[in-house]
PDB file of N, CA and C in Angstrom:
ATOM      1  N   MET A   1      17.246  12.974  -1.498  1.00  0.00           N
ATOM      2  CA  MET A   1      16.015  12.638  -2.184  1.00  0.00           C
ATOM      3  C   MET A   1      14.926  12.453  -1.135  1.00  0.00           C
ATOM      4  N   THR A   2      13.791  12.996  -1.421  1.00  0.00           N
ATOM      5  CA  THR A   2      12.640  12.831  -0.545  1.00  0.00           C
ATOM      6  C   THR A   2      11.615  11.955  -1.257  1.00  0.00           C
ATOM      7  N   ILE A   3      11.107  10.966  -0.526  1.00  0.00           N
ATOM      8  CA  ILE A   3      10.109  10.052  -1.072  1.00  0.00           C
ATOM      9  C   ILE A   3       8.921  10.027  -0.113  1.00  0.00           C
ATOM     10  N   VAL A   4       7.728  10.094  -0.657  1.00  0.00           N
ATOM     11  CA  VAL A   4       6.515  10.009   0.147  1.00  0.00           C
ATOM     12  C   VAL A   4       5.851   8.676  -0.158  1.00  0.00           C
ATOM     13  N   LEU A   5       5.591   7.896   0.878  1.00  0.00           N
ATOM     14  CA  LEU A   5       4.958   6.587   0.708  1.00  0.00           C
ATOM     15  C   LEU A   5       3.649   6.534   1.478  1.00  0.00           C
ATOM     16  N   GLU A   6       2.641   6.000   0.848  1.00  0.00           N
ATOM     17  CA  GLU A   6       1.376   5.728   1.522  1.00  0.00           C
ATOM     18  C   GLU A   6       1.392   4.252   1.901  1.00  0.00           C
ATOM     19  N   LEU A   7       1.556   3.969   3.189  1.00  0.00           N
ATOM     20  CA  LEU A   7       1.649   2.587   3.659  1.00  0.00           C
ATOM     21  C   LEU A   7       0.387   2.188   4.400  1.00  0.00           C
ATOM     22  N   GLU A   8       0.093   0.904   4.332  1.00  0.00           N
ATOM     23  CA  GLU A   8      -1.007   0.379   5.136  1.00  0.00           C
ATOM     24  C   GLU A   8      -0.649   0.557   6.605  1.00  0.00           C
ATOM     25  N   HIS A   9      -1.660   0.742   7.420  1.00  0.00           N
ATOM     26  CA  HIS A   9      -1.434   1.000   8.844  1.00  0.00           C
ATOM     27  C   HIS A   9      -0.583  -0.093   9.497  1.00  0.00           C
ATOM     28  N   GLU A  10      -0.845  -1.339   9.139  1.00  0.00           N
ATOM     29  CA  GLU A  10      -0.095  -2.451   9.733  1.00  0.00           C
ATOM     30  C   GLU A  10       1.396  -2.360   9.401  1.00  0.00           C
ATOM     31  N   ILE A  11       1.710  -2.039   8.160  1.00  0.00           N
ATOM     32  CA  ILE A  11       3.111  -1.920   7.742  1.00  0.00           C
ATOM     33  C   ILE A  11       3.768  -0.751   8.465  1.00  0.00           C
ATOM     34  N   GLU A  12       3.072   0.354   8.540  1.00  0.00           N
ATOM     35  CA  GLU A  12       3.601   1.527   9.249  1.00  0.00           C
ATOM     36  C   GLU A  12       3.891   1.186  10.709  1.00  0.00           C
ATOM     37  N   SER A  13       2.973   0.508  11.360  1.00  0.00           N
ATOM     38  CA  SER A  13       3.156   0.128  12.765  1.00  0.00           C
ATOM     39  C   SER A  13       4.352  -0.794  12.937  1.00  0.00           C
ATOM     40  N   ARG A  14       4.509  -1.734  12.016  1.00  0.00           N
ATOM     41  CA  ARG A  14       5.643  -2.663  12.083  1.00  0.00           C
ATOM     42  C   ARG A  14       6.964  -1.935  11.885  1.00  0.00           C
ATOM     43  N   LEU A  15       7.004  -0.984  10.951  1.00  0.00           N
ATOM     44  CA  LEU A  15       8.218  -0.202  10.731  1.00  0.00           C
ATOM     45  C   LEU A  15       8.581   0.622  11.959  1.00  0.00           C
ATOM     46  N   ILE A  16       7.592   1.258  12.556  1.00  0.00           N
ATOM     47  CA  ILE A  16       7.826   2.063  13.754  1.00  0.00           C
ATOM     48  C   ILE A  16       8.355   1.187  14.882  1.00  0.00           C
ATOM     49  N   ALA A  17       7.743   0.033  15.076  1.00  0.00           N
ATOM     50  CA  ALA A  17       8.170  -0.873  16.154  1.00  0.00           C
ATOM     51  C   ALA A  17       9.576  -1.395  15.902  1.00  0.00           C
ATOM     52  N   GLN A  18       9.875  -1.769  14.659  1.00  0.00           N
ATOM     53  CA  GLN A  18      11.197  -2.301  14.331  1.00  0.00           C
ATOM     54  C   GLN A  18      12.271  -1.229  14.500  1.00  0.00           C
ATOM     55  N   ALA A  19      11.974  -0.026  14.057  1.00  0.00           N
ATOM     56  CA  ALA A  19      12.922   1.074  14.202  1.00  0.00           C
ATOM     57  C   ALA A  19      13.190   1.352  15.681  1.00  0.00           C
ATOM     58  N   ALA A  20      12.152   1.390  16.475  1.00  0.00           N
ATOM     59  CA  ALA A  20      12.312   1.638  17.911  1.00  0.00           C
ATOM     60  C   ALA A  20      13.142   0.534  18.564  1.00  0.00           C
ATOM     61  N   ALA A  21      12.898  -0.704  18.165  1.00  0.00           N
ATOM     62  CA  ALA A  21      13.637  -1.834  18.732  1.00  0.00           C
ATOM     63  C   ALA A  21      15.127  -1.749  18.418  1.00  0.00           C
ATOM     64  N   GLN A  22      15.455  -1.117  17.290  1.00  0.00           N
ATOM     65  CA  GLN A  22      16.855  -0.985  16.882  1.00  0.00           C
ATOM     66  C   GLN A  22      17.452   0.360  17.281  1.00  0.00           C
ATOM     67  N   GLY A  23      16.654   1.186  17.948  1.00  0.00           N
ATOM     68  CA  GLY A  23      17.141   2.498  18.365  1.00  0.00           C
ATOM     69  C   GLY A  23      17.380   3.441  17.196  1.00  0.00           C
ATOM     70  N   LYS A  24      16.583   3.298  16.135  1.00  0.00           N
ATOM     71  CA  LYS A  24      16.743   4.109  14.934  1.00  0.00           C
ATOM     72  C   LYS A  24      15.431   4.819  14.622  1.00  0.00           C
ATOM     73  N   SER A  25      15.523   5.849  13.807  1.00  0.00           N
ATOM     74  CA  SER A  25      14.305   6.469  13.293  1.00  0.00           C
ATOM     75  C   SER A  25      13.773   5.589  12.162  1.00  0.00           C
ATOM     76  N   VAL A  26      12.520   5.799  11.799  1.00  0.00           N
ATOM     77  CA  VAL A  26      11.945   5.051  10.680  1.00  0.00           C
ATOM     78  C   VAL A  26      12.727   5.366   9.404  1.00  0.00           C
ATOM     79  N   GLU A  27      13.121   6.609   9.233  1.00  0.00           N
ATOM     80  CA  GLU A  27      13.879   7.009   8.051  1.00  0.00           C
ATOM     81  C   GLU A  27      15.208   6.259   7.973  1.00  0.00           C
ATOM     82  N   GLU A  28      15.907   6.174   9.111  1.00  0.00           N
ATOM     83  CA  GLU A  28      17.181   5.447   9.138  1.00  0.00           C
ATOM     84  C   GLU A  28      16.977   3.980   8.796  1.00  0.00           C
ATOM     85  N   LEU A  29      15.945   3.372   9.388  1.00  0.00           N
ATOM     86  CA  LEU A  29      15.666   1.966   9.120  1.00  0.00           C
ATOM     87  C   LEU A  29      15.341   1.741   7.648  1.00  0.00           C
ATOM     88  N   LEU A  30      14.539   2.607   7.056  1.00  0.00           N
ATOM     89  CA  LEU A  30      14.188   2.452   5.646  1.00  0.00           C
ATOM     90  C   LEU A  30      15.412   2.603   4.746  1.00  0.00           C
ATOM     91  N   LYS A  31      16.333   3.511   5.086  1.00  0.00           N
ATOM     92  CA  LYS A  31      17.570   3.633   4.313  1.00  0.00           C
ATOM     93  C   LYS A  31      18.342   2.322   4.335  1.00  0.00           C
ATOM     94  N   ILE A  32      18.442   1.713   5.504  1.00  0.00           N
ATOM     95  CA  ILE A  32      19.159   0.447   5.642  1.00  0.00           C
ATOM     96  C   ILE A  32      18.472  -0.647   4.825  1.00  0.00           C
ATOM     97  N   ILE A  33      17.163  -0.731   4.940  1.00  0.00           N
ATOM     98  CA  ILE A  33      16.410  -1.754   4.213  1.00  0.00           C
ATOM     99  C   ILE A  33      16.594  -1.590   2.710  1.00  0.00           C
ATOM    100  N   ILE A  34      16.503  -0.367   2.215  1.00  0.00           N
ATOM    101  CA  ILE A  34      16.654  -0.115   0.779  1.00  0.00           C
ATOM    102  C   ILE A  34      18.062  -0.463   0.324  1.00  0.00           C
ATOM    103  N   GLN A  35      19.069  -0.067   1.096  1.00  0.00           N
ATOM    104  CA  GLN A  35      20.453  -0.383   0.739  1.00  0.00           C
ATOM    105  C   GLN A  35      20.670  -1.888   0.677  1.00  0.00           C
ATOM    106  N   GLN A  36      20.142  -2.618   1.660  1.00  0.00           N
ATOM    107  CA  GLN A  36      20.295  -4.070   1.674  1.00  0.00           C
ATOM    108  C   GLN A  36      19.576  -4.704   0.482  1.00  0.00           C
ATOM    109  N   LEU A  37      18.415  -4.193   0.153  1.00  0.00           N
ATOM    110  CA  LEU A  37      17.663  -4.713  -0.990  1.00  0.00           C
ATOM    111  C   LEU A  37      18.429  -4.496  -2.287  1.00  0.00           C
ATOM    112  N   LEU A  38      19.008  -3.318  -2.456  1.00  0.00           N
ATOM    113  CA  LEU A  38      19.771  -3.038  -3.664  1.00  0.00           C
ATOM    114  C   LEU A  38      20.991  -3.952  -3.781  1.00  0.00           C
ATOM    115  N   VAL A  39      21.680  -4.203  -2.685  1.00  0.00           N
ATOM    116  CA  VAL A  39      22.827  -5.118  -2.703  1.00  0.00           C
ATOM    117  C   VAL A  39      22.359  -6.509  -3.127  1.00  0.00           C
ATOM    118  N   THR A  40      21.246  -6.956  -2.569  1.00  0.00           N
ATOM    119  CA  THR A  40      20.718  -8.272  -2.893  1.00  0.00           C
ATOM    120  C   THR A  40      20.370  -8.368  -4.374  1.00  0.00           C
ATOM    121  N   ILE A  41      19.719  -7.352  -4.894  1.00  0.00           N
ATOM    122  CA  ILE A  41      19.331  -7.340  -6.304  1.00  0.00           C
ATOM    123  C   ILE A  41      20.562  -7.337  -7.199  1.00  0.00           C
ATOM    124  N   GLU A  42      21.571  -6.550  -6.825  1.00  0.00           N
ATOM    125  CA  GLU A  42      22.773  -6.440  -7.648  1.00  0.00           C
ATOM    126  C   GLU A  42      23.585  -7.737  -7.649  1.00  0.00           C
ATOM    127  N   GLN A  43      23.415  -8.572  -6.636  1.00  0.00           N
ATOM    128  CA  GLN A  43      24.175  -9.821  -6.548  1.00  0.00           C
ATOM    129  C   GLN A  43      23.552 -10.924  -7.405  1.00  0.00           C
ATOM    130  N   ARG A  44      22.387 -10.694  -7.939  1.00  0.00           N
ATOM    131  CA  ARG A  44      21.715 -11.727  -8.751  1.00  0.00           C
ATOM    132  C   ARG A  44      22.339 -11.852 -10.097  1.00  0.00           C
TER     133      ARG A  44
END
């Protein structure tokens, strides 16, 4: 699935920095974040 997001510059910069800090691409980091969010939601 391909998703296009229009993010505020600050959010984009934070995602890029966080991904770099973890040695991941932004796409990889977003997959992890989404998966964790879904687990959290499903546990409610």
